[in-house]
Amino acid sequence: MSPLTKSLRQLAVEDLYSKTCVCGAAKLSGQSFCHPCFRALPPRMRNALYVACSITYADAWDEARDYLRIEAGRIR
């Protein structure tokens, strides 16, 4: 496993348990994003976030975070 992958996994899990969304809004610990960010994601990305915490979850979280920043304009 590369250091980048490990770092991404750690970041995704830490963010999952934080109480602040990547957009800066409050969210519940254990949820990937706040409700407005989660609803801004395409269904395919929302569904991918329900995978158990693994490399797959970290990849889905990273893709969703990029989408929120680039496509939805939710992250400054």
C-alpha atoms as a PDB file:
ATOM      1  CA  MET A   1       0.000   0.000   0.000  1.00  0.00           C
ATOM      2  CA  SER A   2       1.374   3.387  -0.922  1.00  0.00           C
ATOM      3  CA  PRO A   3       1.662   6.183   1.685  1.00  0.00           C
ATOM      4  CA  LEU A   4      -0.840   8.234  -0.349  1.00  0.00           C
ATOM      5  CA  THR A   5      -3.501   5.518  -0.102  1.00  0.00           C
ATOM      6  CA  LYS A   6      -2.923   5.093   3.618  1.00  0.00           C
ATOM      7  CA  SER A   7      -3.124   8.845   4.115  1.00  0.00           C
ATOM      8  CA  LEU A   8      -6.372   9.045   2.141  1.00  0.00           C
ATOM      9  CA  ARG A   9      -7.904   6.220   4.171  1.00  0.00           C
ATOM     10  CA  GLN A  10      -6.929   7.898   7.437  1.00  0.00           C
ATOM     11  CA  LEU A  11      -8.289  11.245   6.243  1.00  0.00           C
ATOM     12  CA  ALA A  12     -11.598   9.695   5.157  1.00  0.00           C
ATOM     13  CA  VAL A  13     -12.096   7.871   8.467  1.00  0.00           C
ATOM     14  CA  GLU A  14     -11.112  10.916  10.544  1.00  0.00           C
ATOM     15  CA  ASP A  15     -13.546  13.044   8.547  1.00  0.00           C
ATOM     16  CA  LEU A  16     -16.295  10.415   8.938  1.00  0.00           C
ATOM     17  CA  TYR A  17     -16.109  10.784  12.719  1.00  0.00           C
ATOM     18  CA  SER A  18     -15.683  14.561  12.788  1.00  0.00           C
ATOM     19  CA  LYS A  19     -18.612  16.910  13.386  1.00  0.00           C
ATOM     20  CA  THR A  20     -17.665  19.315  10.592  1.00  0.00           C
ATOM     21  CA  CYS A  21     -18.406  18.702   6.916  1.00  0.00           C
ATOM     22  CA  VAL A  22     -15.781  19.394   4.250  1.00  0.00           C
ATOM     23  CA  CYS A  23     -17.836  22.491   3.303  1.00  0.00           C
ATOM     24  CA  GLY A  24     -17.458  23.827   6.851  1.00  0.00           C
ATOM     25  CA  ALA A  25     -21.051  23.189   7.977  1.00  0.00           C
ATOM     26  CA  ALA A  26     -21.928  21.071  11.008  1.00  0.00           C
ATOM     27  CA  LYS A  27     -22.651  17.381  10.456  1.00  0.00           C
ATOM     28  CA  LEU A  28     -23.280  14.359  12.616  1.00  0.00           C
ATOM     29  CA  SER A  29     -20.321  12.191  13.551  1.00  0.00           C
ATOM     30  CA  GLY A  30     -20.576   8.989  11.544  1.00  0.00           C
ATOM     31  CA  GLN A  31     -22.014  10.720   8.495  1.00  0.00           C
ATOM     32  CA  SER A  32     -19.784  11.418   5.519  1.00  0.00           C
ATOM     33  CA  PHE A  33     -21.131  14.895   4.774  1.00  0.00           C
ATOM     34  CA  CYS A  34     -23.783  17.347   5.943  1.00  0.00           C
ATOM     35  CA  HIS A  35     -27.267  16.831   4.500  1.00  0.00           C
ATOM     36  CA  PRO A  36     -27.017  19.541   1.775  1.00  0.00           C
ATOM     37  CA  CYS A  37     -23.650  18.185   0.569  1.00  0.00           C
ATOM     38  CA  PHE A  38     -24.871  14.595   0.649  1.00  0.00           C
ATOM     39  CA  ARG A  39     -27.979  15.523  -1.373  1.00  0.00           C
ATOM     40  CA  ALA A  40     -25.796  17.443  -3.873  1.00  0.00           C
ATOM     41  CA  LEU A  41     -24.006  14.207  -4.814  1.00  0.00           C
ATOM     42  CA  PRO A  42     -25.203  12.040  -7.702  1.00  0.00           C
ATOM     43  CA  PRO A  43     -26.980   8.833  -6.536  1.00  0.00           C
ATOM     44  CA  ARG A  44     -24.023   6.651  -7.586  1.00  0.00           C
ATOM     45  CA  MET A  45     -21.708   8.566  -5.237  1.00  0.00           C
ATOM     46  CA  ARG A  46     -24.227   8.565  -2.371  1.00  0.00           C
ATOM     47  CA  ASN A  47     -24.599   4.789  -2.674  1.00  0.00           C
ATOM     48  CA  ALA A  48     -20.826   4.205  -2.780  1.00  0.00           C
ATOM     49  CA  LEU A  49     -20.465   5.909   0.618  1.00  0.00           C
ATOM     50  CA  TYR A  50     -22.454   3.106   2.273  1.00  0.00           C
ATOM     51  CA  VAL A  51     -19.633   0.618   1.709  1.00  0.00           C
ATOM     52  CA  ALA A  52     -17.943  -0.431   4.964  1.00  0.00           C
ATOM     53  CA  CYS A  53     -14.855   1.567   5.969  1.00  0.00           C
ATOM     54  CA  SER A  54     -12.183   0.262   3.657  1.00  0.00           C
ATOM     55  CA  ILE A  55     -10.070   1.424   0.759  1.00  0.00           C
ATOM     56  CA  THR A  56     -13.296   1.392  -1.256  1.00  0.00           C
ATOM     57  CA  TYR A  57     -14.957   3.812   1.193  1.00  0.00           C
ATOM     58  CA  ALA A  58     -11.910   6.092   1.162  1.00  0.00           C
ATOM     59  CA  ASP A  59     -11.950   6.170  -2.638  1.00  0.00           C
ATOM     60  CA  ALA A  60     -15.699   6.889  -2.696  1.00  0.00           C
ATOM     61  CA  TRP A  61     -15.276   9.643  -0.075  1.00  0.00           C
ATOM     62  CA  ASP A  62     -12.405  11.223  -2.019  1.00  0.00           C
ATOM     63  CA  GLU A  63     -14.397  11.181  -5.265  1.00  0.00           C
ATOM     64  CA  ALA A  64     -17.428  12.675  -3.501  1.00  0.00           C
ATOM     65  CA  ARG A  65     -15.294  15.402  -1.910  1.00  0.00           C
ATOM     66  CA  ASP A  66     -13.864  16.307  -5.329  1.00  0.00           C
ATOM     67  CA  TYR A  67     -17.373  16.416  -6.804  1.00  0.00           C
ATOM     68  CA  LEU A  68     -18.588  18.728  -4.035  1.00  0.00           C
ATOM     69  CA  ARG A  69     -15.646  21.061  -4.620  1.00  0.00           C
ATOM     70  CA  ILE A  70     -15.606  21.074  -8.437  1.00  0.00           C
ATOM     71  CA  GLU A  71     -19.133  20.282  -9.657  1.00  0.00           C
ATOM     72  CA  ALA A  72     -21.407  21.394  -6.803  1.00  0.00           C
ATOM     73  CA  GLY A  73     -19.359  24.353  -5.568  1.00  0.00           C
ATOM     74  CA  ARG A  74     -20.022  23.345  -1.938  1.00  0.00           C
ATOM     75  CA  ILE A  75     -16.370  23.558  -0.780  1.00  0.00           C
ATOM     76  CA  ARG A  76     -14.436  26.806  -0.983  1.00  0.00           C
END
